[in-house]
Amino acid sequence: MKPRSAKPPARRKDDKPRAPKPQGFRPQPKFARVESPVSATPRRAPAQGPLPDGIAPVILTAPDNGDYALLDSGDGRKLERYGKLVIVRPEAQALWRPALSPERWAAADAVFSGGAEEDGAGRWRFASETMPETWPLEFLGVPCLGRFTSYRHVGVFAEQAAHWEAIAGAIRASNRPLRLLNLFGYTGVASLIAAKEGAQVTHVDASRKAIGWARENQAIAGLDDRPIRWICDDAMKFVEREARRASRYDIILLDPPAYGRGPAGEVWQLFEHLPAMLDACRAILSDRPVMLILTAYAIRASFFAMHELVRDVFAGAGGSVTSGELVLREQASGRQLSTSMYSRWTPQ
């Protein structure tokens, strides 16, 4: 006779689902947050004219920063320093062997364990029971807060410092006030750097917690008097409203997630929604645009796909599109770790 498997206890009619236990600060990462509607938005009429010049591939290495360092990487992990804290996180692209000793890795202040997917939740293991909830960081002269989240991220994507430098330089070089739109803006580091340089900034993100974190960073940076609009909204809907209002921007940054779900079940798929999003962004660029920067963390995509999409969107606009990858240089061996793809359109 075959043994019978145990049946789960029957649920009583009066049983009610238990409320979930309250959680701490758990903002979703860029990869998982959703900013756009369910269905793919219809695209605008195709732009006419020749395609912009294409420059690719161009590898952008994050500049040295005192508050961030990629110490080592390998065996599917990376060893990093954020401020005074050393952390270990999964890194699917670190296929090689680590350069530093196991003892150096074991001495980390915090280790994240979870799935290989970037949007997968997991947990942190801390070396000390007195690990701070937040700790100070600074990027390009702008102070901000680091914070451990359940999605392995700490509030700053250090590889994007290459973009931040370009934006800051463009704002300083302009002889007029510039308006900057930061879509999927997360914790606001790019927005604060732009505001510090004198831009009028509109920061859009669908996560109220991320907006709250960005406001904290603004206060810590001493930039409360700068013209920044913090808007919690769906990015596509916001851009479409700005087009109807005839609002225009000189610089647009967008860093959309690869996929995810919104609070009402909306589904974002990068490959379905990105073309229409870029069309909408071009429509709200000013008559004297400075740049548009797209960053994407979709591992299965090619940066050439992003490159040709942006060239297609900017047909007839002239200028050039530069595309490639953002990388971090490792201190231990000098290896470069690819983190994301980018495309940058400029009118010259």
C-alpha atoms as a PDB file:
ATOM      1  CA  MET A   1       0.000   0.000   0.000  1.00  0.00           C
ATOM      2  CA  LYS A   2       1.312   3.432  -0.923  1.00  0.00           C
ATOM      3  CA  PRO A   3       1.661   5.891   1.947  1.00  0.00           C
ATOM      4  CA  ARG A   4      -0.894   8.659   1.864  1.00  0.00           C
ATOM      5  CA  SER A   5       0.387  12.181   1.727  1.00  0.00           C
ATOM      6  CA  ALA A   6      -0.660  14.482   4.516  1.00  0.00           C
ATOM      7  CA  LYS A   7      -3.467  16.859   3.607  1.00  0.00           C
ATOM      8  CA  PRO A   8      -3.329  20.481   4.676  1.00  0.00           C
ATOM      9  CA  PRO A   9      -5.827  21.353   7.416  1.00  0.00           C
ATOM     10  CA  ALA A  10      -9.163  22.511   6.082  1.00  0.00           C
ATOM     11  CA  ARG A  11      -9.770  26.203   6.325  1.00  0.00           C
ATOM     12  CA  ARG A  12     -12.748  27.203   8.464  1.00  0.00           C
ATOM     13  CA  LYS A  13     -15.362  29.438   6.912  1.00  0.00           C
ATOM     14  CA  ASP A  14     -14.759  32.119   9.483  1.00  0.00           C
ATOM     15  CA  ASP A  15     -10.988  32.121   8.935  1.00  0.00           C
ATOM     16  CA  LYS A  16      -9.729  35.472   7.698  1.00  0.00           C
ATOM     17  CA  PRO A  17      -6.449  36.070   5.905  1.00  0.00           C
ATOM     18  CA  ARG A  18      -3.882  37.439   8.258  1.00  0.00           C
ATOM     19  CA  ALA A  19      -2.583  40.911   7.645  1.00  0.00           C
ATOM     20  CA  PRO A  20       1.026  40.943   6.552  1.00  0.00           C
ATOM     21  CA  LYS A  21       3.563  41.854   9.177  1.00  0.00           C
ATOM     22  CA  PRO A  22       4.707  45.457   8.931  1.00  0.00           C
ATOM     23  CA  GLN A  23       7.933  45.854   7.035  1.00  0.00           C
ATOM     24  CA  GLY A  24      10.714  48.384   7.327  1.00  0.00           C
ATOM     25  CA  PHE A  25      11.863  50.715   4.577  1.00  0.00           C
ATOM     26  CA  ARG A  26      11.755  48.497   1.470  1.00  0.00           C
ATOM     27  CA  PRO A  27      11.845  50.689  -1.658  1.00  0.00           C
ATOM     28  CA  GLN A  28      11.825  48.696  -4.858  1.00  0.00           C
ATOM     29  CA  PRO A  29      14.800  49.139  -7.149  1.00  0.00           C
ATOM     30  CA  LYS A  30      14.747  50.728 -10.553  1.00  0.00           C
ATOM     31  CA  PHE A  31      14.566  47.310 -12.098  1.00  0.00           C
ATOM     32  CA  ALA A  32      11.252  46.489 -10.413  1.00  0.00           C
ATOM     33  CA  ARG A  33       9.456  49.801 -10.088  1.00  0.00           C
ATOM     34  CA  VAL A  34       6.775  50.454 -12.707  1.00  0.00           C
ATOM     35  CA  GLU A  35       6.125  53.857 -14.159  1.00  0.00           C
ATOM     36  CA  SER A  36       4.042  53.161 -17.301  1.00  0.00           C
ATOM     37  CA  PRO A  37       0.620  51.792 -18.259  1.00  0.00           C
ATOM     38  CA  VAL A  38      -0.177  48.149 -18.962  1.00  0.00           C
ATOM     39  CA  SER A  39      -0.504  48.162 -22.721  1.00  0.00           C
ATOM     40  CA  ALA A  40       2.122  49.423 -25.110  1.00  0.00           C
ATOM     41  CA  THR A  41       1.398  53.086 -25.838  1.00  0.00           C
ATOM     42  CA  PRO A  42       0.819  53.813 -29.540  1.00  0.00           C
ATOM     43  CA  ARG A  43       3.806  55.523 -31.086  1.00  0.00           C
ATOM     44  CA  ARG A  44       3.737  58.948 -32.659  1.00  0.00           C
ATOM     45  CA  ALA A  45       4.150  59.413 -36.387  1.00  0.00           C
ATOM     46  CA  PRO A  46       7.682  58.461 -37.404  1.00  0.00           C
ATOM     47  CA  ALA A  47      10.214  61.281 -37.476  1.00  0.00           C
ATOM     48  CA  GLN A  48      11.347  62.345 -40.921  1.00  0.00           C
ATOM     49  CA  GLY A  49      14.862  63.052 -42.094  1.00  0.00           C
ATOM     50  CA  PRO A  50      18.308  61.485 -41.882  1.00  0.00           C
ATOM     51  CA  LEU A  51      19.369  59.609 -38.792  1.00  0.00           C
ATOM     52  CA  PRO A  52      21.794  61.304 -36.385  1.00  0.00           C
ATOM     53  CA  ASP A  53      25.412  60.242 -36.546  1.00  0.00           C
ATOM     54  CA  GLY A  54      26.046  57.073 -34.582  1.00  0.00           C
ATOM     55  CA  ILE A  55      29.084  56.660 -32.327  1.00  0.00           C
ATOM     56  CA  ALA A  56      29.362  53.204 -30.782  1.00  0.00           C
ATOM     57  CA  PRO A  57      30.572  51.441 -28.826  1.00  0.00           C
ATOM     58  CA  VAL A  58      31.855  53.947 -26.290  1.00  0.00           C
ATOM     59  CA  ILE A  59      32.653  52.581 -22.835  1.00  0.00           C
ATOM     60  CA  LEU A  60      32.164  55.056 -19.995  1.00  0.00           C
ATOM     61  CA  THR A  61      34.103  54.264 -16.830  1.00  0.00           C
ATOM     62  CA  ALA A  62      32.775  55.792 -13.633  1.00  0.00           C
ATOM     63  CA  PRO A  63      35.160  58.474 -12.346  1.00  0.00           C
ATOM     64  CA  ASP A  64      36.992  57.915  -9.081  1.00  0.00           C
ATOM     65  CA  ASN A  65      34.930  58.929  -6.094  1.00  0.00           C
ATOM     66  CA  GLY A  66      36.035  58.960  -2.497  1.00  0.00           C
ATOM     67  CA  ASP A  67      32.774  57.468  -1.250  1.00  0.00           C
ATOM     68  CA  TYR A  68      32.573  54.534  -3.659  1.00  0.00           C
ATOM     69  CA  ALA A  69      34.985  51.846  -4.798  1.00  0.00           C
ATOM     70  CA  LEU A  70      34.613  48.479  -6.498  1.00  0.00           C
ATOM     71  CA  LEU A  71      37.184  46.616  -4.436  1.00  0.00           C
ATOM     72  CA  ASP A  72      36.962  43.199  -6.100  1.00  0.00           C
ATOM     73  CA  SER A  73      34.582  40.942  -8.009  1.00  0.00           C
ATOM     74  CA  GLY A  74      34.262  37.335  -9.105  1.00  0.00           C
ATOM     75  CA  ASP A  75      32.382  34.068  -8.633  1.00  0.00           C
ATOM     76  CA  GLY A  76      29.101  35.902  -9.202  1.00  0.00           C
ATOM     77  CA  ARG A  77      29.655  38.528  -6.508  1.00  0.00           C
ATOM     78  CA  LYS A  78      31.141  41.994  -6.044  1.00  0.00           C
ATOM     79  CA  LEU A  79      32.917  43.543  -3.071  1.00  0.00           C
ATOM     80  CA  GLU A  80      32.234  47.275  -2.779  1.00  0.00           C
ATOM     81  CA  ARG A  81      32.837  50.176  -0.454  1.00  0.00           C
ATOM     82  CA  TYR A  82      30.094  52.749   0.052  1.00  0.00           C
ATOM     83  CA  GLY A  83      31.432  55.416   2.363  1.00  0.00           C
ATOM     84  CA  LYS A  84      32.861  53.644   5.408  1.00  0.00           C
ATOM     85  CA  LEU A  85      30.924  50.410   4.856  1.00  0.00           C
ATOM     86  CA  VAL A  86      32.147  47.440   2.800  1.00  0.00           C
ATOM     87  CA  ILE A  87      29.392  45.277   1.327  1.00  0.00           C
ATOM     88  CA  VAL A  88      29.039  42.118  -0.756  1.00  0.00           C
ATOM     89  CA  ARG A  89      26.271  41.778  -3.340  1.00  0.00           C
ATOM     90  CA  PRO A  90      25.461  39.286  -6.118  1.00  0.00           C
ATOM     91  CA  GLU A  91      26.762  40.183  -9.577  1.00  0.00           C
ATOM     92  CA  ALA A  92      25.777  37.837 -12.401  1.00  0.00           C
ATOM     93  CA  GLN A  93      28.357  39.248 -14.813  1.00  0.00           C
ATOM     94  CA  ALA A  94      31.360  38.635 -12.550  1.00  0.00           C
ATOM     95  CA  LEU A  95      32.271  35.318 -14.180  1.00  0.00           C
ATOM     96  CA  TRP A  96      35.945  35.377 -13.263  1.00  0.00           C
ATOM     97  CA  ARG A  97      37.743  34.488 -10.036  1.00  0.00           C
ATOM     98  CA  PRO A  98      38.175  37.061  -7.241  1.00  0.00           C
ATOM     99  CA  ALA A  99      41.572  38.690  -6.887  1.00  0.00           C
ATOM    100  CA  LEU A 100      41.432  39.298  -3.131  1.00  0.00           C
ATOM    101  CA  SER A 101      41.651  36.638  -0.445  1.00  0.00           C
ATOM    102  CA  PRO A 102      38.572  34.985   1.107  1.00  0.00           C
ATOM    103  CA  GLU A 103      39.527  36.693   4.366  1.00  0.00           C
ATOM    104  CA  ARG A 104      39.117  40.128   2.788  1.00  0.00           C
ATOM    105  CA  TRP A 105      35.662  39.176   1.549  1.00  0.00           C
ATOM    106  CA  ALA A 106      34.678  37.678   4.908  1.00  0.00           C
ATOM    107  CA  ALA A 107      35.523  40.970   6.640  1.00  0.00           C
ATOM    108  CA  ALA A 108      32.674  42.822   4.870  1.00  0.00           C
ATOM    109  CA  ASP A 109      30.225  44.812   7.013  1.00  0.00           C
ATOM    110  CA  ALA A 110      27.153  43.513   5.165  1.00  0.00           C
ATOM    111  CA  VAL A 111      26.406  40.654   2.770  1.00  0.00           C
ATOM    112  CA  PHE A 112      23.282  40.387   0.644  1.00  0.00           C
ATOM    113  CA  SER A 113      21.925  36.958  -0.178  1.00  0.00           C
ATOM    114  CA  GLY A 114      19.183  36.406  -2.719  1.00  0.00           C
ATOM    115  CA  GLY A 115      18.455  35.251  -6.233  1.00  0.00           C
ATOM    116  CA  ALA A 116      20.509  36.106  -9.272  1.00  0.00           C
ATOM    117  CA  GLU A 117      17.815  38.408 -10.688  1.00  0.00           C
ATOM    118  CA  GLU A 118      18.343  42.101 -10.051  1.00  0.00           C
ATOM    119  CA  ASP A 119      14.757  42.642  -8.915  1.00  0.00           C
ATOM    120  CA  GLY A 120      14.687  39.634  -6.627  1.00  0.00           C
ATOM    121  CA  ALA A 121      14.179  40.300  -2.936  1.00  0.00           C
ATOM    122  CA  GLY A 122      16.555  38.830  -0.396  1.00  0.00           C
ATOM    123  CA  ARG A 123      18.091  39.683   2.920  1.00  0.00           C
ATOM    124  CA  TRP A 124      21.149  41.322   4.379  1.00  0.00           C
ATOM    125  CA  ARG A 125      23.453  39.710   6.926  1.00  0.00           C
ATOM    126  CA  PHE A 126      25.354  42.189   9.057  1.00  0.00           C
ATOM    127  CA  ALA A 127      28.677  41.757  10.807  1.00  0.00           C
ATOM    128  CA  SER A 128      27.539  44.004  13.652  1.00  0.00           C
ATOM    129  CA  GLU A 129      24.270  44.218  15.550  1.00  0.00           C
ATOM    130  CA  THR A 130      24.671  47.994  15.659  1.00  0.00           C
ATOM    131  CA  MET A 131      24.685  48.557  11.893  1.00  0.00           C
ATOM    132  CA  PRO A 132      23.195  52.015  11.189  1.00  0.00           C
ATOM    133  CA  GLU A 133      19.898  52.279   9.312  1.00  0.00           C
ATOM    134  CA  THR A 134      21.433  55.005   7.145  1.00  0.00           C
ATOM    135  CA  TRP A 135      24.942  56.327   6.626  1.00  0.00           C
ATOM    136  CA  PRO A 136      26.427  59.382   4.878  1.00  0.00           C
ATOM    137  CA  LEU A 137      27.683  59.370   1.296  1.00  0.00           C
ATOM    138  CA  GLU A 138      28.746  62.096  -1.115  1.00  0.00           C
ATOM    139  CA  PHE A 139      28.881  62.188  -4.918  1.00  0.00           C
ATOM    140  CA  LEU A 140      30.189  65.130  -6.958  1.00  0.00           C
ATOM    141  CA  GLY A 141      29.975  67.360  -3.922  1.00  0.00           C
ATOM    142  CA  VAL A 142      26.378  66.413  -3.071  1.00  0.00           C
ATOM    143  CA  PRO A 143      25.808  64.633   0.266  1.00  0.00           C
ATOM    144  CA  CYS A 144      23.176  61.885   0.391  1.00  0.00           C
ATOM    145  CA  LEU A 145      22.124  58.867   2.425  1.00  0.00           C
ATOM    146  CA  GLY A 146      22.922  55.215   1.905  1.00  0.00           C
ATOM    147  CA  ARG A 147      20.318  52.729   3.131  1.00  0.00           C
ATOM    148  CA  PHE A 148      20.027  48.942   2.953  1.00  0.00           C
ATOM    149  CA  THR A 149      16.955  47.804   0.983  1.00  0.00           C
ATOM    150  CA  SER A 150      15.460  44.368   0.512  1.00  0.00           C
ATOM    151  CA  TYR A 151      16.394  44.475  -3.199  1.00  0.00           C
ATOM    152  CA  ARG A 152      20.180  44.634  -2.581  1.00  0.00           C
ATOM    153  CA  HIS A 153      20.458  48.318  -3.533  1.00  0.00           C
ATOM    154  CA  VAL A 154      21.639  51.111  -1.251  1.00  0.00           C
ATOM    155  CA  GLY A 155      20.188  54.181  -2.988  1.00  0.00           C
ATOM    156  CA  VAL A 156      23.027  55.136  -5.348  1.00  0.00           C
ATOM    157  CA  PHE A 157      24.050  53.652  -8.692  1.00  0.00           C
ATOM    158  CA  ALA A 158      27.687  54.746  -8.668  1.00  0.00           C
ATOM    159  CA  GLU A 159      28.317  53.804 -12.318  1.00  0.00           C
ATOM    160  CA  GLN A 160      26.050  56.663 -13.388  1.00  0.00           C
ATOM    161  CA  ALA A 161      28.550  59.217 -12.133  1.00  0.00           C
ATOM    162  CA  ALA A 162      29.839  59.376 -15.723  1.00  0.00           C
ATOM    163  CA  HIS A 163      26.440  60.770 -16.743  1.00  0.00           C
ATOM    164  CA  TRP A 164      26.295  63.089 -13.736  1.00  0.00           C
ATOM    165  CA  GLU A 165      29.616  64.650 -14.709  1.00  0.00           C
ATOM    166  CA  ALA A 166      28.385  65.248 -18.270  1.00  0.00           C
ATOM    167  CA  ILE A 167      25.166  66.848 -17.032  1.00  0.00           C
ATOM    168  CA  ALA A 168      26.959  69.076 -14.537  1.00  0.00           C
ATOM    169  CA  GLY A 169      29.432  70.182 -17.210  1.00  0.00           C
ATOM    170  CA  ALA A 170      26.653  71.000 -19.687  1.00  0.00           C
ATOM    171  CA  ILE A 171      24.781  73.082 -17.120  1.00  0.00           C
ATOM    172  CA  ARG A 172      27.916  75.019 -16.168  1.00  0.00           C
ATOM    173  CA  ALA A 173      28.752  75.640 -19.846  1.00  0.00           C
ATOM    174  CA  SER A 174      25.299  77.015 -20.691  1.00  0.00           C
ATOM    175  CA  ASN A 175      24.667  80.731 -20.672  1.00  0.00           C
ATOM    176  CA  ARG A 176      21.015  80.356 -19.725  1.00  0.00           C
ATOM    177  CA  PRO A 177      18.850  78.626 -17.140  1.00  0.00           C
ATOM    178  CA  LEU A 178      18.272  74.996 -18.131  1.00  0.00           C
ATOM    179  CA  ARG A 179      15.243  72.877 -17.350  1.00  0.00           C
ATOM    180  CA  LEU A 180      15.960  69.219 -16.570  1.00  0.00           C
ATOM    181  CA  LEU A 181      13.483  66.339 -16.366  1.00  0.00           C
ATOM    182  CA  ASN A 182      14.569  63.219 -14.479  1.00  0.00           C
ATOM    183  CA  LEU A 183      12.216  60.297 -15.163  1.00  0.00           C
ATOM    184  CA  PHE A 184      12.339  57.180 -12.959  1.00  0.00           C
ATOM    185  CA  GLY A 185      14.513  59.371 -10.762  1.00  0.00           C
ATOM    186  CA  TYR A 186      14.780  57.054  -7.704  1.00  0.00           C
ATOM    187  CA  THR A 187      16.515  58.726  -4.717  1.00  0.00           C
ATOM    188  CA  GLY A 188      17.381  61.926  -6.544  1.00  0.00           C
ATOM    189  CA  VAL A 189      21.183  62.046  -6.678  1.00  0.00           C
ATOM    190  CA  ALA A 190      21.218  63.130 -10.342  1.00  0.00           C
ATOM    191  CA  SER A 191      18.463  65.666  -9.675  1.00  0.00           C
ATOM    192  CA  LEU A 192      20.387  67.195  -6.768  1.00  0.00           C
ATOM    193  CA  ILE A 193      23.639  67.402  -8.732  1.00  0.00           C
ATOM    194  CA  ALA A 194      21.799  69.219 -11.535  1.00  0.00           C
ATOM    195  CA  ALA A 195      20.073  71.568  -9.080  1.00  0.00           C
ATOM    196  CA  LYS A 196      23.373  72.342  -7.371  1.00  0.00           C
ATOM    197  CA  GLU A 197      24.755  73.455 -10.741  1.00  0.00           C
ATOM    198  CA  GLY A 198      21.792  75.785 -11.291  1.00  0.00           C
ATOM    199  CA  ALA A 199      19.227  73.798 -13.306  1.00  0.00           C
ATOM    200  CA  GLN A 200      15.487  73.917 -12.687  1.00  0.00           C
ATOM    201  CA  VAL A 201      14.667  70.276 -12.003  1.00  0.00           C
ATOM    202  CA  THR A 202      11.538  68.151 -12.279  1.00  0.00           C
ATOM    203  CA  HIS A 203      11.987  64.720 -10.681  1.00  0.00           C
ATOM    204  CA  VAL A 204       9.398  62.008 -11.389  1.00  0.00           C
ATOM    205  CA  ASP A 205       9.135  58.600  -9.751  1.00  0.00           C
ATOM    206  CA  ALA A 206       6.227  56.236  -9.049  1.00  0.00           C
ATOM    207  CA  SER A 207       7.478  55.278  -5.570  1.00  0.00           C
ATOM    208  CA  ARG A 208       6.451  57.520  -2.693  1.00  0.00           C
ATOM    209  CA  LYS A 209       9.200  55.984  -0.578  1.00  0.00           C
ATOM    210  CA  ALA A 210      11.811  56.857  -3.183  1.00  0.00           C
ATOM    211  CA  ILE A 211      10.482  60.438  -3.337  1.00  0.00           C
ATOM    212  CA  GLY A 212      10.678  60.625   0.444  1.00  0.00           C
ATOM    213  CA  TRP A 213      14.276  59.396   0.356  1.00  0.00           C
ATOM    214  CA  ALA A 214      15.084  61.997  -2.324  1.00  0.00           C
ATOM    215  CA  ARG A 215      13.651  64.760  -0.130  1.00  0.00           C
ATOM    216  CA  GLU A 216      15.810  63.528   2.743  1.00  0.00           C
ATOM    217  CA  ASN A 217      18.830  63.775   0.458  1.00  0.00           C
ATOM    218  CA  GLN A 218      17.845  67.310  -0.540  1.00  0.00           C
ATOM    219  CA  ALA A 219      17.740  68.410   3.094  1.00  0.00           C
ATOM    220  CA  ILE A 220      21.053  66.727   3.911  1.00  0.00           C
ATOM    221  CA  ALA A 221      22.657  68.364   0.872  1.00  0.00           C
ATOM    222  CA  GLY A 222      21.475  71.803   1.986  1.00  0.00           C
ATOM    223  CA  LEU A 223      19.618  72.336  -1.299  1.00  0.00           C
ATOM    224  CA  ASP A 224      16.139  73.071   0.057  1.00  0.00           C
ATOM    225  CA  ASP A 225      16.184  76.473  -1.624  1.00  0.00           C
ATOM    226  CA  ARG A 226      16.803  75.056  -5.105  1.00  0.00           C
ATOM    227  CA  PRO A 227      13.950  74.818  -7.647  1.00  0.00           C
ATOM    228  CA  ILE A 228      13.151  71.089  -7.612  1.00  0.00           C
ATOM    229  CA  ARG A 229       9.680  69.653  -8.192  1.00  0.00           C
ATOM    230  CA  TRP A 230       9.320  66.194  -6.611  1.00  0.00           C
ATOM    231  CA  ILE A 231       6.454  64.402  -8.372  1.00  0.00           C
ATOM    232  CA  CYS A 232       5.110  60.949  -7.552  1.00  0.00           C
ATOM    233  CA  ASP A 233       3.447  59.888 -10.792  1.00  0.00           C
ATOM    234  CA  ASP A 234       3.447  57.490 -13.731  1.00  0.00           C
ATOM    235  CA  ALA A 235       6.258  58.664 -16.013  1.00  0.00           C
ATOM    236  CA  MET A 236       4.432  58.107 -19.312  1.00  0.00           C
ATOM    237  CA  LYS A 237       1.282  59.860 -18.129  1.00  0.00           C
ATOM    238  CA  PHE A 238       3.344  62.760 -16.808  1.00  0.00           C
ATOM    239  CA  VAL A 239       5.229  63.195 -20.094  1.00  0.00           C
ATOM    240  CA  GLU A 240       1.992  63.103 -22.090  1.00  0.00           C
ATOM    241  CA  ARG A 241       0.479  65.785 -19.839  1.00  0.00           C
ATOM    242  CA  GLU A 242       3.574  67.934 -20.230  1.00  0.00           C
ATOM    243  CA  ALA A 243       3.183  67.701 -24.022  1.00  0.00           C
ATOM    244  CA  ARG A 244      -0.417  68.914 -23.778  1.00  0.00           C
ATOM    245  CA  ARG A 245       0.711  71.772 -21.516  1.00  0.00           C
ATOM    246  CA  ALA A 246       3.463  72.697 -24.003  1.00  0.00           C
ATOM    247  CA  SER A 247       6.060  72.292 -21.239  1.00  0.00           C
ATOM    248  CA  ARG A 248       9.566  71.856 -22.576  1.00  0.00           C
ATOM    249  CA  TYR A 249      12.883  70.644 -21.151  1.00  0.00           C
ATOM    250  CA  ASP A 250      16.483  71.138 -22.223  1.00  0.00           C
ATOM    251  CA  ILE A 251      17.823  67.918 -20.653  1.00  0.00           C
ATOM    252  CA  ILE A 252      15.927  64.662 -20.140  1.00  0.00           C
ATOM    253  CA  LEU A 253      17.226  61.685 -18.185  1.00  0.00           C
ATOM    254  CA  LEU A 254      15.405  58.383 -18.116  1.00  0.00           C
ATOM    255  CA  ASP A 255      16.422  55.186 -16.385  1.00  0.00           C
ATOM    256  CA  PRO A 256      13.429  52.844 -16.737  1.00  0.00           C
ATOM    257  CA  PRO A 257      13.154  49.396 -15.181  1.00  0.00           C
ATOM    258  CA  ALA A 258      13.406  46.296 -17.324  1.00  0.00           C
ATOM    259  CA  TYR A 259      10.022  45.059 -16.115  1.00  0.00           C
ATOM    260  CA  GLY A 260       7.727  45.218 -13.147  1.00  0.00           C
ATOM    261  CA  ARG A 261       4.234  45.760 -11.803  1.00  0.00           C
ATOM    262  CA  GLY A 262       2.574  48.906 -10.572  1.00  0.00           C
ATOM    263  CA  PRO A 263       0.224  49.385  -7.610  1.00  0.00           C
ATOM    264  CA  ALA A 264      -2.876  48.742  -9.714  1.00  0.00           C
ATOM    265  CA  GLY A 265      -1.419  45.783 -11.588  1.00  0.00           C
ATOM    266  CA  GLU A 266       0.086  47.804 -14.420  1.00  0.00           C
ATOM    267  CA  VAL A 267       2.810  45.965 -16.288  1.00  0.00           C
ATOM    268  CA  TRP A 268       5.929  47.632 -17.648  1.00  0.00           C
ATOM    269  CA  GLN A 269       7.955  45.820 -20.283  1.00  0.00           C
ATOM    270  CA  LEU A 270      11.001  47.704 -21.472  1.00  0.00           C
ATOM    271  CA  PHE A 271      10.878  46.279 -24.983  1.00  0.00           C
ATOM    272  CA  GLU A 272       7.185  47.091 -25.406  1.00  0.00           C
ATOM    273  CA  HIS A 273       6.971  50.550 -23.843  1.00  0.00           C
ATOM    274  CA  LEU A 274      10.369  52.156 -24.362  1.00  0.00           C
ATOM    275  CA  PRO A 275       9.891  53.230 -28.024  1.00  0.00           C
ATOM    276  CA  ALA A 276       6.731  55.212 -27.208  1.00  0.00           C
ATOM    277  CA  MET A 277       8.363  56.683 -24.115  1.00  0.00           C
ATOM    278  CA  LEU A 278      11.274  57.977 -26.192  1.00  0.00           C
ATOM    279  CA  ASP A 279       8.887  59.409 -28.792  1.00  0.00           C
ATOM    280  CA  ALA A 280       7.084  61.278 -26.020  1.00  0.00           C
ATOM    281  CA  CYS A 281      10.354  62.561 -24.567  1.00  0.00           C
ATOM    282  CA  ARG A 282      11.513  63.955 -27.892  1.00  0.00           C
ATOM    283  CA  ALA A 283       8.202  65.801 -28.193  1.00  0.00           C
ATOM    284  CA  ILE A 284       8.852  67.758 -24.973  1.00  0.00           C
ATOM    285  CA  LEU A 285      12.455  68.729 -25.675  1.00  0.00           C
ATOM    286  CA  SER A 286      12.957  72.472 -26.011  1.00  0.00           C
ATOM    287  CA  ASP A 287      13.889  74.333 -29.183  1.00  0.00           C
ATOM    288  CA  ARG A 288      17.455  74.498 -27.832  1.00  0.00           C
ATOM    289  CA  PRO A 289      17.937  71.008 -26.394  1.00  0.00           C
ATOM    290  CA  VAL A 290      21.149  69.998 -24.668  1.00  0.00           C
ATOM    291  CA  MET A 291      20.897  66.216 -24.337  1.00  0.00           C
ATOM    292  CA  LEU A 292      18.787  63.155 -23.673  1.00  0.00           C
ATOM    293  CA  ILE A 293      20.328  60.257 -21.741  1.00  0.00           C
ATOM    294  CA  LEU A 294      18.827  56.777 -21.584  1.00  0.00           C
ATOM    295  CA  THR A 295      20.213  54.106 -19.253  1.00  0.00           C
ATOM    296  CA  ALA A 296      18.961  50.515 -19.261  1.00  0.00           C
ATOM    297  CA  TYR A 297      19.815  47.522 -17.113  1.00  0.00           C
ATOM    298  CA  ALA A 298      18.117  44.876 -19.276  1.00  0.00           C
ATOM    299  CA  ILE A 299      20.777  42.170 -19.417  1.00  0.00           C
ATOM    300  CA  ARG A 300      19.324  40.344 -22.434  1.00  0.00           C
ATOM    301  CA  ALA A 301      19.282  43.483 -24.565  1.00  0.00           C
ATOM    302  CA  SER A 302      22.151  44.752 -26.687  1.00  0.00           C
ATOM    303  CA  PHE A 303      23.287  48.346 -26.390  1.00  0.00           C
ATOM    304  CA  PHE A 304      23.161  48.401 -30.202  1.00  0.00           C
ATOM    305  CA  ALA A 305      19.394  47.860 -29.955  1.00  0.00           C
ATOM    306  CA  MET A 306      19.105  50.918 -27.685  1.00  0.00           C
ATOM    307  CA  HIS A 307      21.506  52.798 -29.960  1.00  0.00           C
ATOM    308  CA  GLU A 308      19.481  52.278 -33.133  1.00  0.00           C
ATOM    309  CA  LEU A 309      16.189  52.974 -31.333  1.00  0.00           C
ATOM    310  CA  VAL A 310      17.414  56.371 -30.133  1.00  0.00           C
ATOM    311  CA  ARG A 311      18.779  57.206 -33.592  1.00  0.00           C
ATOM    312  CA  ASP A 312      15.379  56.302 -35.066  1.00  0.00           C
ATOM    313  CA  VAL A 313      13.540  58.523 -32.569  1.00  0.00           C
ATOM    314  CA  PHE A 314      15.811  61.478 -33.354  1.00  0.00           C
ATOM    315  CA  ALA A 315      15.637  61.197 -37.148  1.00  0.00           C
ATOM    316  CA  GLY A 316      15.778  64.679 -38.647  1.00  0.00           C
ATOM    317  CA  ALA A 317      17.020  66.257 -35.407  1.00  0.00           C
ATOM    318  CA  GLY A 318      20.694  66.192 -36.404  1.00  0.00           C
ATOM    319  CA  GLY A 319      23.413  65.781 -33.842  1.00  0.00           C
ATOM    320  CA  SER A 320      24.733  62.419 -32.778  1.00  0.00           C
ATOM    321  CA  VAL A 321      23.905  59.420 -30.619  1.00  0.00           C
ATOM    322  CA  THR A 322      26.686  57.920 -28.512  1.00  0.00           C
ATOM    323  CA  SER A 323      26.031  54.486 -27.025  1.00  0.00           C
ATOM    324  CA  GLY A 324      27.835  51.801 -25.125  1.00  0.00           C
ATOM    325  CA  GLU A 325      28.139  50.495 -21.594  1.00  0.00           C
ATOM    326  CA  LEU A 326      28.700  51.981 -18.157  1.00  0.00           C
ATOM    327  CA  VAL A 327      31.468  50.167 -16.308  1.00  0.00           C
ATOM    328  CA  LEU A 328      33.156  50.213 -12.920  1.00  0.00           C
ATOM    329  CA  ARG A 329      36.919  49.726 -12.636  1.00  0.00           C
ATOM    330  CA  GLU A 330      37.988  47.268  -9.977  1.00  0.00           C
ATOM    331  CA  GLN A 331      40.696  48.336  -7.550  1.00  0.00           C
ATOM    332  CA  ALA A 332      42.157  44.877  -6.917  1.00  0.00           C
ATOM    333  CA  SER A 333      43.038  43.956 -10.500  1.00  0.00           C
ATOM    334  CA  GLY A 334      41.988  46.827 -12.762  1.00  0.00           C
ATOM    335  CA  ARG A 335      39.276  44.710 -14.402  1.00  0.00           C
ATOM    336  CA  GLN A 336      36.182  46.528 -15.622  1.00  0.00           C
ATOM    337  CA  LEU A 337      32.729  45.318 -14.609  1.00  0.00           C
ATOM    338  CA  SER A 338      29.884  46.153 -16.999  1.00  0.00           C
ATOM    339  CA  THR A 339      26.771  47.365 -15.187  1.00  0.00           C
ATOM    340  CA  SER A 340      24.376  48.794 -17.768  1.00  0.00           C
ATOM    341  CA  MET A 341      23.827  50.121 -21.280  1.00  0.00           C
ATOM    342  CA  TYR A 342      23.311  53.736 -22.267  1.00  0.00           C
ATOM    343  CA  SER A 343      22.524  55.978 -25.223  1.00  0.00           C
ATOM    344  CA  ARG A 344      23.098  59.712 -25.215  1.00  0.00           C
ATOM    345  CA  TRP A 345      21.739  62.101 -27.871  1.00  0.00           C
ATOM    346  CA  THR A 346      23.264  65.557 -28.230  1.00  0.00           C
ATOM    347  CA  PRO A 347      22.459  68.156 -30.907  1.00  0.00           C
ATOM    348  CA  GLN A 348      26.133  68.795 -31.825  1.00  0.00           C
END
